[in-house]
Amino acid sequence: MFLNLDSYLIIMKKGLSKSLNLQDDQLDGCRSIIQKLEKNKESYQFRYPVNWKREKLFDYPQRIKHPMDLSTVKKKLKSDKYPDIEAFAEDLRLIWSNCKSYNQDGSVSNYFIFRLFTTKRKF
């Protein structure tokens, strides 16, 4: 089945238990999403926290109050920090919104984040 990321998360959420902790099948789905995103060549800018000092983005901490990246999502997933699918999805969406709010329209980063989150892929 080919879906974009949000569609896949909605299906996972509807079809599975609403318990306080992620179920094994939900965890497998979340891990699959992270693996597919990490393997995508366009995800390289989103795999690790923005190193704003090295990149000389000195306004980054003032403009982005809640940084998020794929490695942080992966760590939170491994350490059971997500109470449910929606919390996991919120962090993925935060990567998107941080990128869009910091970078100018038409930037390479915005192009990559758009393709990463909207391209239909097999899950």
PDB file of N, CA and C in Angstrom:
ATOM      1  N   MET A   1       0.844  -1.157   0.000  1.00  0.00           N
ATOM      2  CA  MET A   1       0.000   0.000   0.000  1.00  0.00           C
ATOM      3  C   MET A   1       0.899   1.233   0.000  1.00  0.00           C
ATOM      4  N   PHE A   2       0.655   2.155  -0.915  1.00  0.00           N
ATOM      5  CA  PHE A   2       1.429   3.382  -1.013  1.00  0.00           C
ATOM      6  C   PHE A   2       0.633   4.529  -0.409  1.00  0.00           C
ATOM      7  N   LEU A   3       1.221   5.167   0.599  1.00  0.00           N
ATOM      8  CA  LEU A   3       0.565   6.253   1.317  1.00  0.00           C
ATOM      9  C   LEU A   3       1.588   7.332   1.648  1.00  0.00           C
ATOM     10  N   ASN A   4       1.092   8.545   1.877  1.00  0.00           N
ATOM     11  CA  ASN A   4       2.004   9.534   2.429  1.00  0.00           C
ATOM     12  C   ASN A   4       2.043   9.311   3.948  1.00  0.00           C
ATOM     13  N   LEU A   5       2.951   9.974   4.614  1.00  0.00           N
ATOM     14  CA  LEU A   5       3.198   9.723   6.035  1.00  0.00           C
ATOM     15  C   LEU A   5       1.977   9.959   6.912  1.00  0.00           C
ATOM     16  N   ASP A   6       1.289  11.079   6.734  1.00  0.00           N
ATOM     17  CA  ASP A   6       0.115  11.370   7.570  1.00  0.00           C
ATOM     18  C   ASP A   6      -0.991  10.340   7.370  1.00  0.00           C
ATOM     19  N   SER A   7      -1.219   9.908   6.131  1.00  0.00           N
ATOM     20  CA  SER A   7      -2.253   8.899   5.870  1.00  0.00           C
ATOM     21  C   SER A   7      -1.927   7.592   6.596  1.00  0.00           C
ATOM     22  N   TYR A   8      -0.665   7.216   6.563  1.00  0.00           N
ATOM     23  CA  TYR A   8      -0.247   5.991   7.236  1.00  0.00           C
ATOM     24  C   TYR A   8      -0.455   6.096   8.753  1.00  0.00           C
ATOM     25  N   LEU A   9      -0.110   7.233   9.323  1.00  0.00           N
ATOM     26  CA  LEU A   9      -0.283   7.421  10.766  1.00  0.00           C
ATOM     27  C   LEU A   9      -1.760   7.379  11.160  1.00  0.00           C
ATOM     28  N   ILE A  10      -2.628   7.932  10.334  1.00  0.00           N
ATOM     29  CA  ILE A  10      -4.065   7.908  10.619  1.00  0.00           C
ATOM     30  C   ILE A  10      -4.585   6.474  10.613  1.00  0.00           C
ATOM     31  N   ILE A  11      -4.165   5.684   9.640  1.00  0.00           N
ATOM     32  CA  ILE A  11      -4.593   4.286   9.570  1.00  0.00           C
ATOM     33  C   ILE A  11      -4.091   3.521  10.796  1.00  0.00           C
ATOM     34  N   MET A  12      -2.839   3.746  11.187  1.00  0.00           N
ATOM     35  CA  MET A  12      -2.298   3.076  12.375  1.00  0.00           C
ATOM     36  C   MET A  12      -3.111   3.445  13.605  1.00  0.00           C
ATOM     37  N   LYS A  13      -3.452   4.715  13.729  1.00  0.00           N
ATOM     38  CA  LYS A  13      -4.170   5.202  14.907  1.00  0.00           C
ATOM     39  C   LYS A  13      -5.582   4.626  14.974  1.00  0.00           C
ATOM     40  N   LYS A  14      -6.278   4.587  13.845  1.00  0.00           N
ATOM     41  CA  LYS A  14      -7.659   4.091  13.815  1.00  0.00           C
ATOM     42  C   LYS A  14      -7.743   2.597  14.073  1.00  0.00           C
ATOM     43  N   GLY A  15      -6.793   1.871  13.539  1.00  0.00           N
ATOM     44  CA  GLY A  15      -6.894   0.429  13.581  1.00  0.00           C
ATOM     45  C   GLY A  15      -6.346  -0.225  14.831  1.00  0.00           C
ATOM     46  N   LEU A  16      -5.810   0.544  15.737  1.00  0.00           N
ATOM     47  CA  LEU A  16      -5.135  -0.060  16.872  1.00  0.00           C
ATOM     48  C   LEU A  16      -5.649   0.476  18.200  1.00  0.00           C
ATOM     49  N   SER A  17      -5.275  -0.196  19.239  1.00  0.00           N
ATOM     50  CA  SER A  17      -5.725   0.120  20.591  1.00  0.00           C
ATOM     51  C   SER A  17      -5.386   1.544  20.999  1.00  0.00           C
ATOM     52  N   LYS A  18      -6.226   2.137  21.828  1.00  0.00           N
ATOM     53  CA  LYS A  18      -5.983   3.480  22.356  1.00  0.00           C
ATOM     54  C   LYS A  18      -5.492   3.413  23.798  1.00  0.00           C
ATOM     55  N   SER A  19      -4.669   2.458  24.084  1.00  0.00           N
ATOM     56  CA  SER A  19      -4.147   2.325  25.447  1.00  0.00           C
ATOM     57  C   SER A  19      -3.144   3.444  25.719  1.00  0.00           C
ATOM     58  N   LEU A  20      -2.704   3.544  26.962  1.00  0.00           N
ATOM     59  CA  LEU A  20      -1.760   4.588  27.332  1.00  0.00           C
ATOM     60  C   LEU A  20      -0.376   4.361  26.752  1.00  0.00           C
ATOM     61  N   ASN A  21      -0.043   3.125  26.439  1.00  0.00           N
ATOM     62  CA  ASN A  21       1.275   2.827  25.882  1.00  0.00           C
ATOM     63  C   ASN A  21       1.123   2.281  24.474  1.00  0.00           C
ATOM     64  N   LEU A  22       2.135   2.545  23.662  1.00  0.00           N
ATOM     65  CA  LEU A  22       2.120   2.012  22.311  1.00  0.00           C
ATOM     66  C   LEU A  22       2.152   0.487  22.364  1.00  0.00           C
ATOM     67  N   GLN A  23       1.342  -0.137  21.548  1.00  0.00           N
ATOM     68  CA  GLN A  23       1.314  -1.586  21.442  1.00  0.00           C
ATOM     69  C   GLN A  23       2.450  -2.036  20.530  1.00  0.00           C
ATOM     70  N   ASP A  24       2.765  -3.362  20.576  1.00  0.00           N
ATOM     71  CA  ASP A  24       3.862  -3.884  19.768  1.00  0.00           C
ATOM     72  C   ASP A  24       3.672  -3.590  18.287  1.00  0.00           C
ATOM     73  N   ASP A  25       2.439  -3.755  17.769  1.00  0.00           N
ATOM     74  CA  ASP A  25       2.221  -3.511  16.347  1.00  0.00           C
ATOM     75  C   ASP A  25       2.361  -2.023  16.022  1.00  0.00           C
ATOM     76  N   GLN A  26       1.993  -1.150  16.934  1.00  0.00           N
ATOM     77  CA  GLN A  26       2.180   0.281  16.733  1.00  0.00           C
ATOM     78  C   GLN A  26       3.668   0.628  16.761  1.00  0.00           C
ATOM     79  N   LEU A  27       4.396   0.037  17.712  1.00  0.00           N
ATOM     80  CA  LEU A  27       5.840   0.287  17.790  1.00  0.00           C
ATOM     81  C   LEU A  27       6.526  -0.145  16.504  1.00  0.00           C
ATOM     82  N   ASP A  28       6.130  -1.311  15.979  1.00  0.00           N
ATOM     83  CA  ASP A  28       6.705  -1.791  14.721  1.00  0.00           C
ATOM     84  C   ASP A  28       6.424  -0.806  13.593  1.00  0.00           C
ATOM     85  N   GLY A  29       5.206  -0.276  13.547  1.00  0.00           N
ATOM     86  CA  GLY A  29       4.863   0.706  12.524  1.00  0.00           C
ATOM     87  C   GLY A  29       5.676   1.979  12.660  1.00  0.00           C
ATOM     88  N   CYS A  30       5.853   2.450  13.896  1.00  0.00           N
ATOM     89  CA  CYS A  30       6.654   3.659  14.140  1.00  0.00           C
ATOM     90  C   CYS A  30       8.108   3.427  13.750  1.00  0.00           C
ATOM     91  N   ARG A  31       8.638   2.268  14.119  1.00  0.00           N
ATOM     92  CA  ARG A  31      10.030   1.950  13.748  1.00  0.00           C
ATOM     93  C   ARG A  31      10.188   1.905  12.236  1.00  0.00           C
ATOM     94  N   SER A  32       9.200   1.338  11.566  1.00  0.00           N
ATOM     95  CA  SER A  32       9.229   1.255  10.109  1.00  0.00           C
ATOM     96  C   SER A  32       9.252   2.647   9.484  1.00  0.00           C
ATOM     97  N   ILE A  33       8.455   3.553  10.024  1.00  0.00           N
ATOM     98  CA  ILE A  33       8.426   4.928   9.515  1.00  0.00           C
ATOM     99  C   ILE A  33       9.803   5.572   9.674  1.00  0.00           C
ATOM    100  N   ILE A  34      10.392   5.450  10.861  1.00  0.00           N
ATOM    101  CA  ILE A  34      11.703   6.055  11.116  1.00  0.00           C
ATOM    102  C   ILE A  34      12.754   5.467  10.178  1.00  0.00           C
ATOM    103  N   GLN A  35      12.751   4.141  10.014  1.00  0.00           N
ATOM    104  CA  GLN A  35      13.727   3.496   9.135  1.00  0.00           C
ATOM    105  C   GLN A  35      13.591   3.995   7.702  1.00  0.00           C
ATOM    106  N   LYS A  36      12.366   4.089   7.220  1.00  0.00           N
ATOM    107  CA  LYS A  36      12.150   4.545   5.842  1.00  0.00           C
ATOM    108  C   LYS A  36      12.572   6.008   5.678  1.00  0.00           C
ATOM    109  N   LEU A  37      12.271   6.824   6.658  1.00  0.00           N
ATOM    110  CA  LEU A  37      12.680   8.223   6.575  1.00  0.00           C
ATOM    111  C   LEU A  37      14.204   8.356   6.633  1.00  0.00           C
ATOM    112  N   GLU A  38      14.844   7.600   7.513  1.00  0.00           N
ATOM    113  CA  GLU A  38      16.303   7.676   7.639  1.00  0.00           C
ATOM    114  C   GLU A  38      17.005   7.208   6.364  1.00  0.00           C
ATOM    115  N   LYS A  39      16.452   6.195   5.717  1.00  0.00           N
ATOM    116  CA  LYS A  39      17.071   5.660   4.499  1.00  0.00           C
ATOM    117  C   LYS A  39      16.900   6.580   3.299  1.00  0.00           C
ATOM    118  N   ASN A  40      15.921   7.453   3.347  1.00  0.00           N
ATOM    119  CA  ASN A  40      15.659   8.350   2.229  1.00  0.00           C
ATOM    120  C   ASN A  40      16.794   9.365   2.129  1.00  0.00           C
ATOM    121  N   LYS A  41      17.388   9.481   0.945  1.00  0.00           N
ATOM    122  CA  LYS A  41      18.538  10.383   0.785  1.00  0.00           C
ATOM    123  C   LYS A  41      18.184  11.843   1.065  1.00  0.00           C
ATOM    124  N   GLU A  42      16.916  12.199   0.937  1.00  0.00           N
ATOM    125  CA  GLU A  42      16.506  13.582   1.164  1.00  0.00           C
ATOM    126  C   GLU A  42      16.340  13.908   2.647  1.00  0.00           C
ATOM    127  N   SER A  43      16.526  12.924   3.511  1.00  0.00           N
ATOM    128  CA  SER A  43      16.341  13.161   4.946  1.00  0.00           C
ATOM    129  C   SER A  43      17.623  13.586   5.662  1.00  0.00           C
ATOM    130  N   TYR A  44      18.728  13.701   4.934  1.00  0.00           N
ATOM    131  CA  TYR A  44      20.008  13.936   5.609  1.00  0.00           C
ATOM    132  C   TYR A  44      20.002  15.173   6.504  1.00  0.00           C
ATOM    133  N   GLN A  45      19.251  16.205   6.150  1.00  0.00           N
ATOM    134  CA  GLN A  45      19.229  17.431   6.963  1.00  0.00           C
ATOM    135  C   GLN A  45      18.404  17.284   8.238  1.00  0.00           C
ATOM    136  N   PHE A  46      17.630  16.213   8.318  1.00  0.00           N
ATOM    137  CA  PHE A  46      16.680  16.046   9.422  1.00  0.00           C
ATOM    138  C   PHE A  46      17.008  14.857  10.314  1.00  0.00           C
ATOM    139  N   ARG A  47      18.130  14.214  10.067  1.00  0.00           N
ATOM    140  CA  ARG A  47      18.493  13.010  10.826  1.00  0.00           C
ATOM    141  C   ARG A  47      19.030  13.321  12.216  1.00  0.00           C
ATOM    142  N   TYR A  48      19.643  14.480  12.387  1.00  0.00           N
ATOM    143  CA  TYR A  48      20.259  14.847  13.665  1.00  0.00           C
ATOM    144  C   TYR A  48      19.884  16.286  14.020  1.00  0.00           C
ATOM    145  N   PRO A  49      20.046  16.648  15.288  1.00  0.00           N
ATOM    146  CA  PRO A  49      19.723  18.030  15.675  1.00  0.00           C
ATOM    147  C   PRO A  49      20.507  19.046  14.836  1.00  0.00           C
ATOM    148  N   VAL A  50      19.877  20.166  14.589  1.00  0.00           N
ATOM    149  CA  VAL A  50      20.551  21.243  13.849  1.00  0.00           C
ATOM    150  C   VAL A  50      21.734  21.729  14.687  1.00  0.00           C
ATOM    151  N   ASN A  51      22.905  21.688  14.090  1.00  0.00           N
ATOM    152  CA  ASN A  51      24.098  22.200  14.759  1.00  0.00           C
ATOM    153  C   ASN A  51      24.214  23.684  14.388  1.00  0.00           C
ATOM    154  N   TRP A  52      23.418  24.474  15.078  1.00  0.00           N
ATOM    155  CA  TRP A  52      23.281  25.884  14.710  1.00  0.00           C
ATOM    156  C   TRP A  52      24.568  26.674  14.891  1.00  0.00           C
ATOM    157  N   LYS A  53      25.430  26.260  15.822  1.00  0.00           N
ATOM    158  CA  LYS A  53      26.704  26.970  16.004  1.00  0.00           C
ATOM    159  C   LYS A  53      27.631  26.718  14.821  1.00  0.00           C
ATOM    160  N   ARG A  54      27.758  25.449  14.438  1.00  0.00           N
ATOM    161  CA  ARG A  54      28.623  25.111  13.299  1.00  0.00           C
ATOM    162  C   ARG A  54      28.111  25.752  12.009  1.00  0.00           C
ATOM    163  N   GLU A  55      26.788  25.755  11.844  1.00  0.00           N
ATOM    164  CA  GLU A  55      26.180  26.309  10.630  1.00  0.00           C
ATOM    165  C   GLU A  55      26.016  27.831  10.689  1.00  0.00           C
ATOM    166  N   LYS A  56      26.397  28.417  11.833  1.00  0.00           N
ATOM    167  CA  LYS A  56      26.298  29.874  12.046  1.00  0.00           C
ATOM    168  C   LYS A  56      24.869  30.382  11.885  1.00  0.00           C
ATOM    169  N   LEU A  57      23.956  29.625  12.452  1.00  0.00           N
ATOM    170  CA  LEU A  57      22.531  30.001  12.452  1.00  0.00           C
ATOM    171  C   LEU A  57      22.198  30.537  13.841  1.00  0.00           C
ATOM    172  N   PHE A  58      22.792  31.647  14.196  1.00  0.00           N
ATOM    173  CA  PHE A  58      22.736  32.139  15.564  1.00  0.00           C
ATOM    174  C   PHE A  58      21.341  32.540  16.021  1.00  0.00           C
ATOM    175  N   ASP A  59      20.439  32.746  15.095  1.00  0.00           N
ATOM    176  CA  ASP A  59      19.061  33.067  15.483  1.00  0.00           C
ATOM    177  C   ASP A  59      18.189  31.812  15.648  1.00  0.00           C
ATOM    178  N   TYR A  60      18.746  30.647  15.332  1.00  0.00           N
ATOM    179  CA  TYR A  60      17.964  29.410  15.391  1.00  0.00           C
ATOM    180  C   TYR A  60      17.327  29.154  16.768  1.00  0.00           C
ATOM    181  N   PRO A  61      18.077  29.254  17.865  1.00  0.00           N
ATOM    182  CA  PRO A  61      17.461  28.986  19.174  1.00  0.00           C
ATOM    183  C   PRO A  61      16.339  29.966  19.541  1.00  0.00           C
ATOM    184  N   GLN A  62      16.422  31.177  19.037  1.00  0.00           N
ATOM    185  CA  GLN A  62      15.364  32.149  19.322  1.00  0.00           C
ATOM    186  C   GLN A  62      14.119  31.879  18.471  1.00  0.00           C
ATOM    187  N   ARG A  63      14.322  31.432  17.255  1.00  0.00           N
ATOM    188  CA  ARG A  63      13.196  31.225  16.333  1.00  0.00           C
ATOM    189  C   ARG A  63      12.548  29.854  16.477  1.00  0.00           C
ATOM    190  N   ILE A  64      13.336  28.843  16.838  1.00  0.00           N
ATOM    191  CA  ILE A  64      12.811  27.474  16.968  1.00  0.00           C
ATOM    192  C   ILE A  64      12.869  27.087  18.444  1.00  0.00           C
ATOM    193  N   LYS A  65      11.721  27.127  19.085  1.00  0.00           N
ATOM    194  CA  LYS A  65      11.651  26.894  20.536  1.00  0.00           C
ATOM    195  C   LYS A  65      11.668  25.412  20.905  1.00  0.00           C
ATOM    196  N   HIS A  66      11.233  24.550  19.985  1.00  0.00           N
ATOM    197  CA  HIS A  66      11.175  23.106  20.258  1.00  0.00           C
ATOM    198  C   HIS A  66      11.813  22.348  19.101  1.00  0.00           C
ATOM    199  N   PRO A  67      13.148  22.296  19.067  1.00  0.00           N
ATOM    200  CA  PRO A  67      13.820  21.583  17.979  1.00  0.00           C
ATOM    201  C   PRO A  67      13.459  20.093  17.988  1.00  0.00           C
ATOM    202  N   MET A  68      13.431  19.503  16.798  1.00  0.00           N
ATOM    203  CA  MET A  68      13.152  18.073  16.692  1.00  0.00           C
ATOM    204  C   MET A  68      13.853  17.543  15.445  1.00  0.00           C
ATOM    205  N   ASP A  69      14.278  16.293  15.514  1.00  0.00           N
ATOM    206  CA  ASP A  69      14.953  15.631  14.405  1.00  0.00           C
ATOM    207  C   ASP A  69      14.679  14.130  14.509  1.00  0.00           C
ATOM    208  N   LEU A  70      15.040  13.395  13.465  1.00  0.00           N
ATOM    209  CA  LEU A  70      14.733  11.963  13.427  1.00  0.00           C
ATOM    210  C   LEU A  70      15.473  11.166  14.503  1.00  0.00           C
ATOM    211  N   SER A  71      16.716  11.531  14.822  1.00  0.00           N
ATOM    212  CA  SER A  71      17.445  10.774  15.847  1.00  0.00           C
ATOM    213  C   SER A  71      16.801  10.948  17.220  1.00  0.00           C
ATOM    214  N   THR A  72      16.270  12.139  17.496  1.00  0.00           N
ATOM    215  CA  THR A  72      15.585  12.378  18.773  1.00  0.00           C
ATOM    216  C   THR A  72      14.283  11.588  18.826  1.00  0.00           C
ATOM    217  N   VAL A  73      13.550  11.557  17.723  1.00  0.00           N
ATOM    218  CA  VAL A  73      12.314  10.762  17.668  1.00  0.00           C
ATOM    219  C   VAL A  73      12.640   9.294  17.906  1.00  0.00           C
ATOM    220  N   LYS A  74      13.695   8.818  17.269  1.00  0.00           N
ATOM    221  CA  LYS A  74      14.110   7.417  17.407  1.00  0.00           C
ATOM    222  C   LYS A  74      14.485   7.095  18.860  1.00  0.00           C
ATOM    223  N   LYS A  75      15.230   7.991  19.519  1.00  0.00           N
ATOM    224  CA  LYS A  75      15.605   7.787  20.926  1.00  0.00           C
ATOM    225  C   LYS A  75      14.370   7.766  21.829  1.00  0.00           C
ATOM    226  N   LYS A  76      13.448   8.687  21.586  1.00  0.00           N
ATOM    227  CA  LYS A  76      12.221   8.737  22.393  1.00  0.00           C
ATOM    228  C   LYS A  76      11.396   7.468  22.191  1.00  0.00           C
ATOM    229  N   LEU A  77      11.378   6.970  20.975  1.00  0.00           N
ATOM    230  CA  LEU A  77      10.642   5.740  20.679  1.00  0.00           C
ATOM    231  C   LEU A  77      11.274   4.547  21.409  1.00  0.00           C
ATOM    232  N   LYS A  78      12.595   4.461  21.368  1.00  0.00           N
ATOM    233  CA  LYS A  78      13.309   3.356  22.030  1.00  0.00           C
ATOM    234  C   LYS A  78      13.154   3.397  23.545  1.00  0.00           C
ATOM    235  N   SER A  79      13.021   4.590  24.109  1.00  0.00           N
ATOM    236  CA  SER A  79      12.936   4.707  25.571  1.00  0.00           C
ATOM    237  C   SER A  79      11.491   4.877  26.061  1.00  0.00           C
ATOM    238  N   ASP A  80      10.531   4.499  25.219  1.00  0.00           N
ATOM    239  CA  ASP A  80       9.105   4.516  25.586  1.00  0.00           C
ATOM    240  C   ASP A  80       8.618   5.882  26.069  1.00  0.00           C
ATOM    241  N   LYS A  81       9.034   6.943  25.414  1.00  0.00           N
ATOM    242  CA  LYS A  81       8.615   8.294  25.788  1.00  0.00           C
ATOM    243  C   LYS A  81       7.302   8.706  25.130  1.00  0.00           C
ATOM    244  N   TYR A  82       6.838   7.919  24.155  1.00  0.00           N
ATOM    245  CA  TYR A  82       5.587   8.255  23.473  1.00  0.00           C
ATOM    246  C   TYR A  82       4.431   7.479  24.079  1.00  0.00           C
ATOM    247  N   PRO A  83       3.436   8.187  24.612  1.00  0.00           N
ATOM    248  CA  PRO A  83       2.283   7.499  25.205  1.00  0.00           C
ATOM    249  C   PRO A  83       1.343   6.919  24.148  1.00  0.00           C
ATOM    250  N   ASP A  84       1.374   7.489  22.933  1.00  0.00           N
ATOM    251  CA  ASP A  84       0.469   7.023  21.883  1.00  0.00           C
ATOM    252  C   ASP A  84       0.988   7.462  20.513  1.00  0.00           C
ATOM    253  N   ILE A  85       0.290   7.005  19.473  1.00  0.00           N
ATOM    254  CA  ILE A  85       0.664   7.324  18.095  1.00  0.00           C
ATOM    255  C   ILE A  85       0.645   8.830  17.845  1.00  0.00           C
ATOM    256  N   GLU A  86      -0.321   9.511  18.409  1.00  0.00           N
ATOM    257  CA  GLU A  86      -0.446  10.949  18.157  1.00  0.00           C
ATOM    258  C   GLU A  86       0.779  11.714  18.648  1.00  0.00           C
ATOM    259  N   ALA A  87       1.328  11.344  19.789  1.00  0.00           N
ATOM    260  CA  ALA A  87       2.530  12.016  20.301  1.00  0.00           C
ATOM    261  C   ALA A  87       3.720  11.792  19.363  1.00  0.00           C
ATOM    262  N   PHE A  88       3.840  10.576  18.844  1.00  0.00           N
ATOM    263  CA  PHE A  88       4.873  10.255  17.867  1.00  0.00           C
ATOM    264  C   PHE A  88       4.676  11.107  16.608  1.00  0.00           C
ATOM    265  N   ALA A  89       3.446  11.148  16.114  1.00  0.00           N
ATOM    266  CA  ALA A  89       3.130  11.914  14.901  1.00  0.00           C
ATOM    267  C   ALA A  89       3.388  13.412  15.116  1.00  0.00           C
ATOM    268  N   GLU A  90       3.085  13.919  16.304  1.00  0.00           N
ATOM    269  CA  GLU A  90       3.320  15.334  16.601  1.00  0.00           C
ATOM    270  C   GLU A  90       4.794  15.692  16.471  1.00  0.00           C
ATOM    271  N   ASP A  91       5.679  14.806  16.945  1.00  0.00           N
ATOM    272  CA  ASP A  91       7.108  15.084  16.824  1.00  0.00           C
ATOM    273  C   ASP A  91       7.555  15.051  15.363  1.00  0.00           C
ATOM    274  N   LEU A  92       7.013  14.132  14.574  1.00  0.00           N
ATOM    275  CA  LEU A  92       7.355  14.123  13.151  1.00  0.00           C
ATOM    276  C   LEU A  92       6.865  15.404  12.477  1.00  0.00           C
ATOM    277  N   ARG A  93       5.672  15.832  12.823  1.00  0.00           N
ATOM    278  CA  ARG A  93       5.145  17.076  12.257  1.00  0.00           C
ATOM    279  C   ARG A  93       5.953  18.289  12.728  1.00  0.00           C
ATOM    280  N   LEU A  94       6.521  18.199  13.924  1.00  0.00           N
ATOM    281  CA  LEU A  94       7.350  19.289  14.441  1.00  0.00           C
ATOM    282  C   LEU A  94       8.611  19.466  13.589  1.00  0.00           C
ATOM    283  N   ILE A  95       9.177  18.367  13.108  1.00  0.00           N
ATOM    284  CA  ILE A  95      10.329  18.457  12.200  1.00  0.00           C
ATOM    285  C   ILE A  95       9.924  19.279  10.977  1.00  0.00           C
ATOM    286  N   TRP A  96       8.765  18.951  10.432  1.00  0.00           N
ATOM    287  CA  TRP A  96       8.225  19.645   9.253  1.00  0.00           C
ATOM    288  C   TRP A  96       8.006  21.130   9.550  1.00  0.00           C
ATOM    289  N   SER A  97       7.290  21.413  10.633  1.00  0.00           N
ATOM    290  CA  SER A  97       6.939  22.811  10.915  1.00  0.00           C
ATOM    291  C   SER A  97       8.168  23.651  11.272  1.00  0.00           C
ATOM    292  N   ASN A  98       9.136  23.075  11.982  1.00  0.00           N
ATOM    293  CA  ASN A  98      10.369  23.811  12.283  1.00  0.00           C
ATOM    294  C   ASN A  98      11.103  24.179  10.997  1.00  0.00           C
ATOM    295  N   CYS A  99      11.187  23.232  10.090  1.00  0.00           N
ATOM    296  CA  CYS A  99      11.874  23.476   8.820  1.00  0.00           C
ATOM    297  C   CYS A  99      11.162  24.582   8.047  1.00  0.00           C
ATOM    298  N   LYS A 100       9.852  24.472   7.955  1.00  0.00           N
ATOM    299  CA  LYS A 100       9.087  25.459   7.191  1.00  0.00           C
ATOM    300  C   LYS A 100       9.145  26.850   7.834  1.00  0.00           C
ATOM    301  N   SER A 101       9.156  26.905   9.155  1.00  0.00           N
ATOM    302  CA  SER A 101       9.162  28.223   9.796  1.00  0.00           C
ATOM    303  C   SER A 101      10.550  28.864   9.781  1.00  0.00           C
ATOM    304  N   TYR A 102      11.624  28.075   9.777  1.00  0.00           N
ATOM    305  CA  TYR A 102      12.964  28.670   9.789  1.00  0.00           C
ATOM    306  C   TYR A 102      13.462  29.016   8.389  1.00  0.00           C
ATOM    307  N   ASN A 103      13.174  28.165   7.430  1.00  0.00           N
ATOM    308  CA  ASN A 103      13.715  28.340   6.075  1.00  0.00           C
ATOM    309  C   ASN A 103      12.745  29.100   5.182  1.00  0.00           C
ATOM    310  N   GLN A 104      13.283  29.775   4.208  1.00  0.00           N
ATOM    311  CA  GLN A 104      12.472  30.542   3.267  1.00  0.00           C
ATOM    312  C   GLN A 104      11.756  29.605   2.303  1.00  0.00           C
ATOM    313  N   ASP A 105      10.598  30.040   1.829  1.00  0.00           N
ATOM    314  CA  ASP A 105       9.906  29.299   0.778  1.00  0.00           C
ATOM    315  C   ASP A 105      10.848  29.140  -0.406  1.00  0.00           C
ATOM    316  N   GLY A 106      10.812  27.961  -0.996  1.00  0.00           N
ATOM    317  CA  GLY A 106      11.667  27.702  -2.147  1.00  0.00           C
ATOM    318  C   GLY A 106      13.061  27.226  -1.790  1.00  0.00           C
ATOM    319  N   SER A 107      13.385  27.144  -0.498  1.00  0.00           N
ATOM    320  CA  SER A 107      14.719  26.675  -0.104  1.00  0.00           C
ATOM    321  C   SER A 107      14.835  25.176  -0.336  1.00  0.00           C
ATOM    322  N   VAL A 108      16.059  24.707  -0.430  1.00  0.00           N
ATOM    323  CA  VAL A 108      16.316  23.278  -0.610  1.00  0.00           C
ATOM    324  C   VAL A 108      15.754  22.493   0.570  1.00  0.00           C
ATOM    325  N   SER A 109      15.918  23.010   1.779  1.00  0.00           N
ATOM    326  CA  SER A 109      15.413  22.324   2.970  1.00  0.00           C
ATOM    327  C   SER A 109      13.902  22.156   2.904  1.00  0.00           C
ATOM    328  N   ASN A 110      13.197  23.206   2.523  1.00  0.00           N
ATOM    329  CA  ASN A 110      11.739  23.109   2.423  1.00  0.00           C
ATOM    330  C   ASN A 110      11.320  22.137   1.333  1.00  0.00           C
ATOM    331  N   TYR A 111      12.054  22.107   0.241  1.00  0.00           N
ATOM    332  CA  TYR A 111      11.763  21.151  -0.829  1.00  0.00           C
ATOM    333  C   TYR A 111      11.931  19.722  -0.312  1.00  0.00           C
ATOM    334  N   PHE A 112      13.050  19.459   0.384  1.00  0.00           N
ATOM    335  CA  PHE A 112      13.303  18.112   0.897  1.00  0.00           C
ATOM    336  C   PHE A 112      12.264  17.692   1.930  1.00  0.00           C
ATOM    337  N   ILE A 113      11.907  18.585   2.848  1.00  0.00           N
ATOM    338  CA  ILE A 113      10.941  18.207   3.879  1.00  0.00           C
ATOM    339  C   ILE A 113       9.578  17.960   3.253  1.00  0.00           C
ATOM    340  N   PHE A 114       9.212  18.730   2.255  1.00  0.00           N
ATOM    341  CA  PHE A 114       7.942  18.515   1.561  1.00  0.00           C
ATOM    342  C   PHE A 114       7.942  17.145   0.889  1.00  0.00           C
ATOM    343  N   ARG A 115       8.996  16.827   0.173  1.00  0.00           N
ATOM    344  CA  ARG A 115       9.073  15.526  -0.513  1.00  0.00           C
ATOM    345  C   ARG A 115       9.111  14.378   0.494  1.00  0.00           C
ATOM    346  N   LEU A 116       9.819  14.579   1.575  1.00  0.00           N
ATOM    347  CA  LEU A 116       9.960  13.530   2.576  1.00  0.00           C
ATOM    348  C   LEU A 116       8.620  13.178   3.207  1.00  0.00           C
ATOM    349  N   PHE A 117       7.801  14.166   3.481  1.00  0.00           N
ATOM    350  CA  PHE A 117       6.554  13.929   4.194  1.00  0.00           C
ATOM    351  C   PHE A 117       5.334  13.746   3.295  1.00  0.00           C
ATOM    352  N   THR A 118       5.431  14.097   2.028  1.00  0.00           N
ATOM    353  CA  THR A 118       4.248  13.973   1.177  1.00  0.00           C
ATOM    354  C   THR A 118       4.368  12.908   0.098  1.00  0.00           C
ATOM    355  N   THR A 119       5.566  12.473  -0.198  1.00  0.00           N
ATOM    356  CA  THR A 119       5.738  11.446  -1.210  1.00  0.00           C
ATOM    357  C   THR A 119       5.088  10.155  -0.757  1.00  0.00           C
ATOM    358  N   LYS A 120       4.348   9.537  -1.648  1.00  0.00           N
ATOM    359  CA  LYS A 120       3.726   8.260  -1.316  1.00  0.00           C
ATOM    360  C   LYS A 120       4.776   7.176  -1.403  1.00  0.00           C
ATOM    361  N   ARG A 121       4.818   6.353  -0.384  1.00  0.00           N
ATOM    362  CA  ARG A 121       5.780   5.241  -0.337  1.00  0.00           C
ATOM    363  C   ARG A 121       5.122   4.030   0.269  1.00  0.00           C
ATOM    364  N   LYS A 122       5.740   2.902   0.061  1.00  0.00           N
ATOM    365  CA  LYS A 122       5.184   1.657   0.587  1.00  0.00           C
ATOM    366  C   LYS A 122       5.580   1.499   2.041  1.00  0.00           C
ATOM    367  N   PHE A 123       4.590   1.282   2.913  1.00  0.00           N
ATOM    368  CA  PHE A 123       4.845   1.059   4.342  1.00  0.00           C
ATOM    369  C   PHE A 123       4.570  -0.385   4.685  1.00  0.00           C
TER     370      PHE A 123
END
